[in-house]
Amino acid sequence: MNELGKGGGSEHRRCSAKGCGATAVWELVWNNPRVHTSERRKTWLACDDHRCYLSDFLDRRDFLLEVVALDPP
C-alpha cells in the first residue's frame, strides 16, 4: 500500500486500495499497537470510493486513529 510521500509534494497522491489509481483525497492515520509505539503513525491514502472500505478495515482491527481530508493538490 502507498504511504504519503515525505518529499516536496509533487508526487501523485494515489489511493492505497489495491488496483485503484484514483487521486487520494483522504489520509487515514493508523498504527498497530502490538507492533508500533503509541507515537508511531502510519498513513494510507484513500479516494472517496475507498475511504469507508479502508477505514473499516483498519477500524475492525483497532488500528485506525483518524481520518483527515487532504488539501487539494
PDB file of N, CA and C in Angstrom:
ATOM      1  N   MET A   1       0.838  -1.172   0.000  1.00  0.00           N
ATOM      2  CA  MET A   1       0.000   0.000   0.000  1.00  0.00           C
ATOM      3  C   MET A   1       0.889   1.243   0.000  1.00  0.00           C
ATOM      4  N   ASN A   2       0.388   2.292  -0.563  1.00  0.00           N
ATOM      5  CA  ASN A   2       1.142   3.538  -0.650  1.00  0.00           C
ATOM      6  C   ASN A   2       1.096   4.285   0.667  1.00  0.00           C
ATOM      7  N   GLU A   3       2.164   5.012   0.942  1.00  0.00           N
ATOM      8  CA  GLU A   3       2.173   5.903   2.080  1.00  0.00           C
ATOM      9  C   GLU A   3       2.373   7.315   1.568  1.00  0.00           C
ATOM     10  N   LEU A   4       1.884   8.262   2.319  1.00  0.00           N
ATOM     11  CA  LEU A   4       2.015   9.665   1.952  1.00  0.00           C
ATOM     12  C   LEU A   4       3.489  10.005   1.827  1.00  0.00           C
ATOM     13  N   GLY A   5       3.863  10.552   0.682  1.00  0.00           N
ATOM     14  CA  GLY A   5       5.262  10.890   0.449  1.00  0.00           C
ATOM     15  C   GLY A   5       5.744  11.980   1.383  1.00  0.00           C
ATOM     16  N   LYS A   6       6.980  11.882   1.752  1.00  0.00           N
ATOM     17  CA  LYS A   6       7.571  12.875   2.641  1.00  0.00           C
ATOM     18  C   LYS A   6       8.348  13.919   1.852  1.00  0.00           C
ATOM     19  N   GLY A   7       8.323  13.816   0.525  1.00  0.00           N
ATOM     20  CA  GLY A   7       9.107  14.703  -0.324  1.00  0.00           C
ATOM     21  C   GLY A   7       8.471  16.060  -0.527  1.00  0.00           C
ATOM     22  N   GLY A   8       8.784  16.662  -1.658  1.00  0.00           N
ATOM     23  CA  GLY A   8       8.398  18.028  -1.935  1.00  0.00           C
ATOM     24  C   GLY A   8       6.957  18.248  -2.339  1.00  0.00           C
ATOM     25  N   GLY A   9       6.142  17.220  -2.410  1.00  0.00           N
ATOM     26  CA  GLY A   9       4.735  17.416  -2.699  1.00  0.00           C
ATOM     27  C   GLY A   9       4.360  17.256  -4.158  1.00  0.00           C
ATOM     28  N   SER A  10       5.314  16.950  -5.025  1.00  0.00           N
ATOM     29  CA  SER A  10       4.996  16.835  -6.438  1.00  0.00           C
ATOM     30  C   SER A  10       4.523  15.433  -6.817  1.00  0.00           C
ATOM     31  N   GLU A  11       4.643  14.455  -5.898  1.00  0.00           N
ATOM     32  CA  GLU A  11       4.251  13.095  -6.208  1.00  0.00           C
ATOM     33  C   GLU A  11       2.731  12.966  -6.301  1.00  0.00           C
ATOM     34  N   HIS A  12       2.287  12.042  -7.133  1.00  0.00           N
ATOM     35  CA  HIS A  12       0.853  11.779  -7.294  1.00  0.00           C
ATOM     36  C   HIS A  12       0.337  11.102  -6.033  1.00  0.00           C
ATOM     37  N   ARG A  13      -0.708  11.645  -5.451  1.00  0.00           N
ATOM     38  CA  ARG A  13      -1.313  11.058  -4.258  1.00  0.00           C
ATOM     39  C   ARG A  13      -2.333  10.021  -4.716  1.00  0.00           C
ATOM     40  N   ARG A  14      -1.908   8.765  -4.786  1.00  0.00           N
ATOM     41  CA  ARG A  14      -2.741   7.690  -5.292  1.00  0.00           C
ATOM     42  C   ARG A  14      -3.391   6.932  -4.141  1.00  0.00           C
ATOM     43  N   CYS A  15      -4.621   6.536  -4.335  1.00  0.00           N
ATOM     44  CA  CYS A  15      -5.362   5.755  -3.352  1.00  0.00           C
ATOM     45  C   CYS A  15      -4.597   4.476  -3.022  1.00  0.00           C
ATOM     46  N   SER A  16      -4.597   4.085  -1.746  1.00  0.00           N
ATOM     47  CA  SER A  16      -3.888   2.896  -1.292  1.00  0.00           C
ATOM     48  C   SER A  16      -4.640   1.598  -1.546  1.00  0.00           C
ATOM     49  N   ALA A  17      -5.896   1.667  -1.972  1.00  0.00           N
ATOM     50  CA  ALA A  17      -6.657   0.447  -2.247  1.00  0.00           C
ATOM     51  C   ALA A  17      -6.023  -0.300  -3.417  1.00  0.00           C
ATOM     52  N   LYS A  18      -5.923  -1.610  -3.277  1.00  0.00           N
ATOM     53  CA  LYS A  18      -5.299  -2.443  -4.311  1.00  0.00           C
ATOM     54  C   LYS A  18      -5.971  -2.232  -5.663  1.00  0.00           C
ATOM     55  N   GLY A  19      -5.165  -1.913  -6.663  1.00  0.00           N
ATOM     56  CA  GLY A  19      -5.655  -1.750  -8.019  1.00  0.00           C
ATOM     57  C   GLY A  19      -6.295  -0.411  -8.328  1.00  0.00           C
ATOM     58  N   CYS A  20      -6.387   0.469  -7.357  1.00  0.00           N
ATOM     59  CA  CYS A  20      -7.015   1.771  -7.574  1.00  0.00           C
ATOM     60  C   CYS A  20      -5.943   2.797  -7.944  1.00  0.00           C
ATOM     61  N   GLY A  21      -6.181   3.525  -8.994  1.00  0.00           N
ATOM     62  CA  GLY A  21      -5.242   4.560  -9.413  1.00  0.00           C
ATOM     63  C   GLY A  21      -5.788   5.960  -9.226  1.00  0.00           C
ATOM     64  N   ALA A  22      -6.919   6.067  -8.521  1.00  0.00           N
ATOM     65  CA  ALA A  22      -7.565   7.367  -8.332  1.00  0.00           C
ATOM     66  C   ALA A  22      -6.741   8.265  -7.410  1.00  0.00           C
ATOM     67  N   THR A  23      -6.921   9.545  -7.579  1.00  0.00           N
ATOM     68  CA  THR A  23      -6.265  10.518  -6.712  1.00  0.00           C
ATOM     69  C   THR A  23      -6.873  10.452  -5.316  1.00  0.00           C
ATOM     70  N   ALA A  24      -6.018  10.389  -4.318  1.00  0.00           N
ATOM     71  CA  ALA A  24      -6.465  10.322  -2.926  1.00  0.00           C
ATOM     72  C   ALA A  24      -6.904  11.695  -2.440  1.00  0.00           C
ATOM     73  N   VAL A  25      -7.971  11.710  -1.677  1.00  0.00           N
ATOM     74  CA  VAL A  25      -8.462  12.947  -1.067  1.00  0.00           C
ATOM     75  C   VAL A  25      -8.602  12.796   0.449  1.00  0.00           C
ATOM     76  N   TRP A  26      -8.249  11.623   0.974  1.00  0.00           N
ATOM     77  CA  TRP A  26      -8.315  11.336   2.405  1.00  0.00           C
ATOM     78  C   TRP A  26      -7.006  10.722   2.875  1.00  0.00           C
ATOM     79  N   GLU A  27      -6.622  11.047   4.094  1.00  0.00           N
ATOM     80  CA  GLU A  27      -5.463  10.449   4.751  1.00  0.00           C
ATOM     81  C   GLU A  27      -5.973   9.658   5.947  1.00  0.00           C
ATOM     82  N   LEU A  28      -5.670   8.371   5.996  1.00  0.00           N
ATOM     83  CA  LEU A  28      -6.065   7.510   7.104  1.00  0.00           C
ATOM     84  C   LEU A  28      -4.831   7.267   7.957  1.00  0.00           C
ATOM     85  N   VAL A  29      -4.864   7.754   9.173  1.00  0.00           N
ATOM     86  CA  VAL A  29      -3.723   7.659  10.074  1.00  0.00           C
ATOM     87  C   VAL A  29      -3.971   6.486  11.021  1.00  0.00           C
ATOM     88  N   TRP A  30      -2.978   5.607  11.141  1.00  0.00           N
ATOM     89  CA  TRP A  30      -3.176   4.394  11.926  1.00  0.00           C
ATOM     90  C   TRP A  30      -1.863   3.901  12.510  1.00  0.00           C
ATOM     91  N   ASN A  31      -1.983   2.966  13.434  1.00  0.00           N
ATOM     92  CA  ASN A  31      -0.838   2.184  13.886  1.00  0.00           C
ATOM     93  C   ASN A  31      -1.339   0.866  14.463  1.00  0.00           C
ATOM     94  N   ASN A  32      -0.448  -0.097  14.500  1.00  0.00           N
ATOM     95  CA  ASN A  32      -0.746  -1.392  15.099  1.00  0.00           C
ATOM     96  C   ASN A  32      -0.114  -1.387  16.483  1.00  0.00           C
ATOM     97  N   PRO A  33      -0.924  -1.293  17.545  1.00  0.00           N
ATOM     98  CA  PRO A  33      -0.363  -1.161  18.888  1.00  0.00           C
ATOM     99  C   PRO A  33       0.452  -2.371  19.345  1.00  0.00           C
ATOM    100  N   ARG A  34       0.281  -3.515  18.703  1.00  0.00           N
ATOM    101  CA  ARG A  34       1.081  -4.692  19.061  1.00  0.00           C
ATOM    102  C   ARG A  34       2.479  -4.629  18.458  1.00  0.00           C
ATOM    103  N   VAL A  35       2.657  -3.777  17.467  1.00  0.00           N
ATOM    104  CA  VAL A  35       3.935  -3.689  16.769  1.00  0.00           C
ATOM    105  C   VAL A  35       4.594  -2.321  16.949  1.00  0.00           C
ATOM    106  N   HIS A  36       3.789  -1.259  16.945  1.00  0.00           N
ATOM    107  CA  HIS A  36       4.310   0.107  16.962  1.00  0.00           C
ATOM    108  C   HIS A  36       4.136   0.761  18.329  1.00  0.00           C
ATOM    109  N   THR A  37       5.021   1.697  18.635  1.00  0.00           N
ATOM    110  CA  THR A  37       4.835   2.509  19.832  1.00  0.00           C
ATOM    111  C   THR A  37       3.629   3.421  19.612  1.00  0.00           C
ATOM    112  N   SER A  38       3.080   3.958  20.676  1.00  0.00           N
ATOM    113  CA  SER A  38       1.887   4.808  20.558  1.00  0.00           C
ATOM    114  C   SER A  38       2.164   6.086  19.769  1.00  0.00           C
ATOM    115  N   GLU A  39       3.421   6.512  19.683  1.00  0.00           N
ATOM    116  CA  GLU A  39       3.771   7.720  18.937  1.00  0.00           C
ATOM    117  C   GLU A  39       3.870   7.469  17.430  1.00  0.00           C
ATOM    118  N   ARG A  40       4.070   6.230  17.036  1.00  0.00           N
ATOM    119  CA  ARG A  40       4.248   5.882  15.612  1.00  0.00           C
ATOM    120  C   ARG A  40       2.951   6.095  14.851  1.00  0.00           C
ATOM    121  N   ARG A  41       3.029   6.745  13.712  1.00  0.00           N
ATOM    122  CA  ARG A  41       1.867   6.987  12.857  1.00  0.00           C
ATOM    123  C   ARG A  41       2.174   6.477  11.463  1.00  0.00           C
ATOM    124  N   LYS A  42       1.302   5.629  10.949  1.00  0.00           N
ATOM    125  CA  LYS A  42       1.403   5.155   9.572  1.00  0.00           C
ATOM    126  C   LYS A  42       0.249   5.776   8.804  1.00  0.00           C
ATOM    127  N   THR A  43       0.396   5.867   7.492  1.00  0.00           N
ATOM    128  CA  THR A  43      -0.605   6.566   6.687  1.00  0.00           C
ATOM    129  C   THR A  43      -0.969   5.762   5.455  1.00  0.00           C
ATOM    130  N   TRP A  44      -2.256   5.629   5.225  1.00  0.00           N
ATOM    131  CA  TRP A  44      -2.792   5.158   3.953  1.00  0.00           C
ATOM    132  C   TRP A  44      -3.548   6.320   3.353  1.00  0.00           C
ATOM    133  N   LEU A  45      -3.599   6.354   2.037  1.00  0.00           N
ATOM    134  CA  LEU A  45      -4.359   7.373   1.327  1.00  0.00           C
ATOM    135  C   LEU A  45      -5.581   6.727   0.698  1.00  0.00           C
ATOM    136  N   ALA A  46      -6.666   7.483   0.591  1.00  0.00           N
ATOM    137  CA  ALA A  46      -7.903   6.931   0.039  1.00  0.00           C
ATOM    138  C   ALA A  46      -8.609   7.939  -0.851  1.00  0.00           C
ATOM    139  N   CYS A  47      -9.204   7.414  -1.924  1.00  0.00           N
ATOM    140  CA  CYS A  47     -10.110   8.215  -2.746  1.00  0.00           C
ATOM    141  C   CYS A  47     -11.485   8.169  -2.065  1.00  0.00           C
ATOM    142  N   ASP A  48     -12.435   8.948  -2.570  1.00  0.00           N
ATOM    143  CA  ASP A  48     -13.780   8.937  -1.987  1.00  0.00           C
ATOM    144  C   ASP A  48     -14.411   7.550  -2.030  1.00  0.00           C
ATOM    145  N   ASP A  49     -14.171   6.811  -3.118  1.00  0.00           N
ATOM    146  CA  ASP A  49     -14.786   5.491  -3.272  1.00  0.00           C
ATOM    147  C   ASP A  49     -14.266   4.459  -2.277  1.00  0.00           C
ATOM    148  N   HIS A  50     -13.029   4.596  -1.819  1.00  0.00           N
ATOM    149  CA  HIS A  50     -12.434   3.590  -0.939  1.00  0.00           C
ATOM    150  C   HIS A  50     -12.234   4.046   0.505  1.00  0.00           C
ATOM    151  N   ARG A  51     -12.622   5.266   0.837  1.00  0.00           N
ATOM    152  CA  ARG A  51     -12.415   5.758   2.209  1.00  0.00           C
ATOM    153  C   ARG A  51     -13.082   4.859   3.235  1.00  0.00           C
ATOM    154  N   CYS A  52     -14.341   4.530   3.035  1.00  0.00           N
ATOM    155  CA  CYS A  52     -15.069   3.697   4.007  1.00  0.00           C
ATOM    156  C   CYS A  52     -14.483   2.294   4.091  1.00  0.00           C
ATOM    157  N   TYR A  53     -14.173   1.706   2.944  1.00  0.00           N
ATOM    158  CA  TYR A  53     -13.620   0.347   2.925  1.00  0.00           C
ATOM    159  C   TYR A  53     -12.306   0.278   3.706  1.00  0.00           C
ATOM    160  N   LEU A  54     -11.379   1.189   3.404  1.00  0.00           N
ATOM    161  CA  LEU A  54     -10.086   1.173   4.080  1.00  0.00           C
ATOM    162  C   LEU A  54     -10.215   1.555   5.555  1.00  0.00           C
ATOM    163  N   SER A  55     -11.071   2.520   5.860  1.00  0.00           N
ATOM    164  CA  SER A  55     -11.297   2.917   7.254  1.00  0.00           C
ATOM    165  C   SER A  55     -11.873   1.764   8.060  1.00  0.00           C
ATOM    166  N   ASP A  56     -12.861   1.074   7.488  1.00  0.00           N
ATOM    167  CA  ASP A  56     -13.471  -0.070   8.177  1.00  0.00           C
ATOM    168  C   ASP A  56     -12.451  -1.181   8.415  1.00  0.00           C
ATOM    169  N   PHE A  57     -11.607  -1.446   7.417  1.00  0.00           N
ATOM    170  CA  PHE A  57     -10.567  -2.466   7.546  1.00  0.00           C
ATOM    171  C   PHE A  57      -9.674  -2.165   8.754  1.00  0.00           C
ATOM    172  N   LEU A  58      -9.214  -0.926   8.856  1.00  0.00           N
ATOM    173  CA  LEU A  58      -8.343  -0.532   9.962  1.00  0.00           C
ATOM    174  C   LEU A  58      -9.089  -0.479  11.290  1.00  0.00           C
ATOM    175  N   ASP A  59     -10.314   0.021  11.271  1.00  0.00           N
ATOM    176  CA  ASP A  59     -11.093   0.171  12.498  1.00  0.00           C
ATOM    177  C   ASP A  59     -11.442  -1.182  13.117  1.00  0.00           C
ATOM    178  N   ARG A  60     -11.777  -2.175  12.294  1.00  0.00           N
ATOM    179  CA  ARG A  60     -12.106  -3.513  12.810  1.00  0.00           C
ATOM    180  C   ARG A  60     -10.932  -4.120  13.565  1.00  0.00           C
ATOM    181  N   ARG A  61      -9.740  -3.705  13.255  1.00  0.00           N
ATOM    182  CA  ARG A  61      -8.539  -4.215  13.911  1.00  0.00           C
ATOM    183  C   ARG A  61      -8.046  -3.281  15.023  1.00  0.00           C
ATOM    184  N   ASP A  62      -8.822  -2.240  15.304  1.00  0.00           N
ATOM    185  CA  ASP A  62      -8.443  -1.221  16.299  1.00  0.00           C
ATOM    186  C   ASP A  62      -7.130  -0.527  15.945  1.00  0.00           C
ATOM    187  N   PHE A  63      -6.888  -0.336  14.637  1.00  0.00           N
ATOM    188  CA  PHE A  63      -5.682   0.346  14.175  1.00  0.00           C
ATOM    189  C   PHE A  63      -5.944   1.813  13.827  1.00  0.00           C
ATOM    190  N   LEU A  64      -7.163   2.148  13.448  1.00  0.00           N
ATOM    191  CA  LEU A  64      -7.468   3.487  12.932  1.00  0.00           C
ATOM    192  C   LEU A  64      -7.401   4.533  14.038  1.00  0.00           C
ATOM    193  N   LEU A  65      -6.656   5.605  13.787  1.00  0.00           N
ATOM    194  CA  LEU A  65      -6.536   6.708  14.738  1.00  0.00           C
ATOM    195  C   LEU A  65      -7.353   7.913  14.298  1.00  0.00           C
ATOM    196  N   GLU A  66      -7.266   8.267  13.005  1.00  0.00           N
ATOM    197  CA  GLU A  66      -8.044   9.394  12.499  1.00  0.00           C
ATOM    198  C   GLU A  66      -8.099   9.373  10.977  1.00  0.00           C
ATOM    199  N   VAL A  67      -9.104  10.058  10.447  1.00  0.00           N
ATOM    200  CA  VAL A  67      -9.272  10.234   9.007  1.00  0.00           C
ATOM    201  C   VAL A  67      -9.295  11.735   8.749  1.00  0.00           C
ATOM    202  N   VAL A  68      -8.417  12.190   7.858  1.00  0.00           N
ATOM    203  CA  VAL A  68      -8.239  13.614   7.612  1.00  0.00           C
ATOM    204  C   VAL A  68      -8.402  13.900   6.121  1.00  0.00           C
ATOM    205  N   ALA A  69      -9.180  14.930   5.803  1.00  0.00           N
ATOM    206  CA  ALA A  69      -9.314  15.354   4.407  1.00  0.00           C
ATOM    207  C   ALA A  69      -8.008  16.004   3.964  1.00  0.00           C
ATOM    208  N   LEU A  70      -7.537  15.628   2.782  1.00  0.00           N
ATOM    209  CA  LEU A  70      -6.313  16.215   2.234  1.00  0.00           C
ATOM    210  C   LEU A  70      -6.629  17.517   1.517  1.00  0.00           C
ATOM    211  N   ASP A  71      -5.697  18.440   1.560  1.00  0.00           N
ATOM    212  CA  ASP A  71      -5.828  19.666   0.781  1.00  0.00           C
ATOM    213  C   ASP A  71      -5.731  19.309  -0.693  1.00  0.00           C
ATOM    214  N   PRO A  72      -6.424  20.038  -1.556  1.00  0.00           N
ATOM    215  CA  PRO A  72      -6.312  19.762  -2.996  1.00  0.00           C
ATOM    216  C   PRO A  72      -4.858  19.867  -3.444  1.00  0.00           C
ATOM    217  N   PRO A  73      -4.466  19.011  -4.425  1.00  0.00           N
ATOM    218  CA  PRO A  73      -3.059  19.030  -4.879  1.00  0.00           C
ATOM    219  C   PRO A  73      -2.687  20.342  -5.536  1.00  0.00           C
TER     220      PRO A  73
END
